[in-house]
Amino acid sequence: MAAGLGIGGLAIAMASKESLENLLGSFTIFFDKPFKVGDIVTLVCVTGFVEKVCFRSTRIRTFDKSIVTVPNKNIISSELDNLGARPCLLYT
């Protein structure tokens, strides 16, 4: 019986691994604030405006007007270019 509970616990842990990674990724986004809603960001293969940051994923509206939902664990583990954080330089 103890072995069965151990195997069951391992199966639950493996099944919830991805959800836990997304939750920890969302905490990192909320506390570190690498971008905010409205910023233009470039991920590995997506460029667009950040529309919504949720606990599981982030929604990005591309320049083609489509919405791409990216899991937060992918945002944290990949390179992110925040084009909205560039300084505005005025040349006269």
C-alpha atoms as a PDB file:
ATOM      1  CA  MET A   1       0.000   0.000   0.000  1.00  0.00           C
ATOM      2  CA  ALA A   2       2.844   2.381   0.829  1.00  0.00           C
ATOM      3  CA  ALA A   3       4.440   1.658  -2.541  1.00  0.00           C
ATOM      4  CA  GLY A   4       1.137   2.379  -4.285  1.00  0.00           C
ATOM      5  CA  LEU A   5       0.834   5.724  -2.488  1.00  0.00           C
ATOM      6  CA  GLY A   6       4.416   6.562  -3.405  1.00  0.00           C
ATOM      7  CA  ILE A   7       3.811   5.813  -7.065  1.00  0.00           C
ATOM      8  CA  GLY A   8       0.536   7.781  -6.973  1.00  0.00           C
ATOM      9  CA  GLY A   9       2.306  10.753  -5.401  1.00  0.00           C
ATOM     10  CA  LEU A  10       5.014  10.588  -8.041  1.00  0.00           C
ATOM     11  CA  ALA A  11       2.402  10.534 -10.816  1.00  0.00           C
ATOM     12  CA  ILE A  12       0.649  13.593  -9.358  1.00  0.00           C
ATOM     13  CA  ALA A  13       3.967  15.414  -8.990  1.00  0.00           C
ATOM     14  CA  MET A  14       4.900  14.702 -12.595  1.00  0.00           C
ATOM     15  CA  ALA A  15       1.468  15.803 -13.845  1.00  0.00           C
ATOM     16  CA  SER A  16       1.575  19.093 -11.938  1.00  0.00           C
ATOM     17  CA  LYS A  17       5.189  19.911 -12.868  1.00  0.00           C
ATOM     18  CA  GLU A  18       4.284  22.089 -15.865  1.00  0.00           C
ATOM     19  CA  SER A  19       1.563  23.966 -13.970  1.00  0.00           C
ATOM     20  CA  LEU A  20       3.985  24.670 -11.153  1.00  0.00           C
ATOM     21  CA  GLU A  21       6.623  25.918 -13.616  1.00  0.00           C
ATOM     22  CA  ASN A  22       4.086  28.304 -15.197  1.00  0.00           C
ATOM     23  CA  LEU A  23       3.011  29.558 -11.767  1.00  0.00           C
ATOM     24  CA  LEU A  24       6.611  30.220 -10.719  1.00  0.00           C
ATOM     25  CA  GLY A  25       7.218  31.909 -14.075  1.00  0.00           C
ATOM     26  CA  SER A  26       4.249  34.218 -13.472  1.00  0.00           C
ATOM     27  CA  PHE A  27       5.589  35.150 -10.025  1.00  0.00           C
ATOM     28  CA  THR A  28       8.921  35.998 -11.647  1.00  0.00           C
ATOM     29  CA  ILE A  29       7.156  38.189 -14.224  1.00  0.00           C
ATOM     30  CA  PHE A  30       5.051  39.943 -11.563  1.00  0.00           C
ATOM     31  CA  PHE A  31       8.016  40.664  -9.262  1.00  0.00           C
ATOM     32  CA  ASP A  32      10.809  41.250 -11.793  1.00  0.00           C
ATOM     33  CA  LYS A  33       8.592  43.180 -14.264  1.00  0.00           C
ATOM     34  CA  PRO A  34      10.615  42.615 -17.459  1.00  0.00           C
ATOM     35  CA  PHE A  35       7.686  44.166 -19.366  1.00  0.00           C
ATOM     36  CA  LYS A  36       4.260  45.688 -18.768  1.00  0.00           C
ATOM     37  CA  VAL A  37       0.956  45.585 -20.606  1.00  0.00           C
ATOM     38  CA  GLY A  38       1.264  47.670 -23.764  1.00  0.00           C
ATOM     39  CA  ASP A  39       4.998  47.111 -24.304  1.00  0.00           C
ATOM     40  CA  ILE A  40       6.248  45.768 -27.610  1.00  0.00           C
ATOM     41  CA  VAL A  41       8.259  42.605 -26.965  1.00  0.00           C
ATOM     42  CA  THR A  42      10.117  40.104 -29.102  1.00  0.00           C
ATOM     43  CA  LEU A  43      10.410  36.501 -27.972  1.00  0.00           C
ATOM     44  CA  VAL A  44      12.089  33.744 -29.937  1.00  0.00           C
ATOM     45  CA  CYS A  45       9.531  33.747 -32.764  1.00  0.00           C
ATOM     46  CA  VAL A  46       6.847  36.264 -31.672  1.00  0.00           C
ATOM     47  CA  THR A  47       6.834  40.068 -31.854  1.00  0.00           C
ATOM     48  CA  GLY A  48       3.912  42.143 -30.685  1.00  0.00           C
ATOM     49  CA  PHE A  49       2.153  44.093 -27.954  1.00  0.00           C
ATOM     50  CA  VAL A  50       1.693  42.542 -24.503  1.00  0.00           C
ATOM     51  CA  GLU A  51      -2.046  42.429 -23.996  1.00  0.00           C
ATOM     52  CA  LYS A  52      -2.527  40.453 -20.783  1.00  0.00           C
ATOM     53  CA  VAL A  53      -0.371  38.695 -18.196  1.00  0.00           C
ATOM     54  CA  CYS A  54      -2.116  35.802 -16.414  1.00  0.00           C
ATOM     55  CA  PHE A  55      -0.923  33.177 -13.945  1.00  0.00           C
ATOM     56  CA  ARG A  56      -0.416  30.506 -16.623  1.00  0.00           C
ATOM     57  CA  SER A  57       0.396  32.467 -19.742  1.00  0.00           C
ATOM     58  CA  THR A  58       0.916  35.851 -21.374  1.00  0.00           C
ATOM     59  CA  ARG A  59      -1.068  37.039 -24.388  1.00  0.00           C
ATOM     60  CA  ILE A  60       0.763  38.918 -27.120  1.00  0.00           C
ATOM     61  CA  ARG A  61      -1.036  40.601 -30.029  1.00  0.00           C
ATOM     62  CA  THR A  62       1.137  40.408 -33.123  1.00  0.00           C
ATOM     63  CA  PHE A  63       1.331  43.047 -35.832  1.00  0.00           C
ATOM     64  CA  ASP A  64      -0.912  40.756 -37.927  1.00  0.00           C
ATOM     65  CA  LYS A  65      -3.633  41.315 -35.269  1.00  0.00           C
ATOM     66  CA  SER A  66      -3.558  37.713 -34.068  1.00  0.00           C
ATOM     67  CA  ILE A  67      -3.149  36.730 -30.414  1.00  0.00           C
ATOM     68  CA  VAL A  68      -0.356  34.388 -29.388  1.00  0.00           C
ATOM     69  CA  THR A  69      -0.571  32.802 -25.954  1.00  0.00           C
ATOM     70  CA  VAL A  70       2.873  32.040 -24.556  1.00  0.00           C
ATOM     71  CA  PRO A  71       3.309  29.972 -21.371  1.00  0.00           C
ATOM     72  CA  ASN A  72       5.088  31.970 -18.679  1.00  0.00           C
ATOM     73  CA  LYS A  73       7.748  29.288 -18.214  1.00  0.00           C
ATOM     74  CA  ASN A  74       8.775  29.833 -21.864  1.00  0.00           C
ATOM     75  CA  ILE A  75       9.011  33.602 -21.351  1.00  0.00           C
ATOM     76  CA  ILE A  76      11.256  33.197 -18.320  1.00  0.00           C
ATOM     77  CA  SER A  77      13.495  30.577 -19.947  1.00  0.00           C
ATOM     78  CA  SER A  78      13.975  32.364 -23.283  1.00  0.00           C
ATOM     79  CA  GLU A  79      15.551  35.628 -24.369  1.00  0.00           C
ATOM     80  CA  LEU A  80      13.133  38.556 -24.300  1.00  0.00           C
ATOM     81  CA  ASP A  81      13.687  41.887 -26.049  1.00  0.00           C
ATOM     82  CA  ASN A  82      11.483  44.631 -24.594  1.00  0.00           C
ATOM     83  CA  LEU A  83      11.269  47.162 -27.403  1.00  0.00           C
ATOM     84  CA  GLY A  84       8.943  49.316 -25.300  1.00  0.00           C
ATOM     85  CA  ALA A  85      11.719  49.981 -22.777  1.00  0.00           C
ATOM     86  CA  ARG A  86      13.931  51.789 -25.267  1.00  0.00           C
ATOM     87  CA  PRO A  87      14.652  55.403 -24.377  1.00  0.00           C
ATOM     88  CA  CYS A  88      13.041  58.051 -26.529  1.00  0.00           C
ATOM     89  CA  LEU A  89      15.706  60.173 -28.148  1.00  0.00           C
ATOM     90  CA  LEU A  90      14.711  63.427 -29.738  1.00  0.00           C
ATOM     91  CA  TYR A  91      17.073  64.766 -32.323  1.00  0.00           C
ATOM     92  CA  THR A  92      16.898  68.418 -33.210  1.00  0.00           C
END
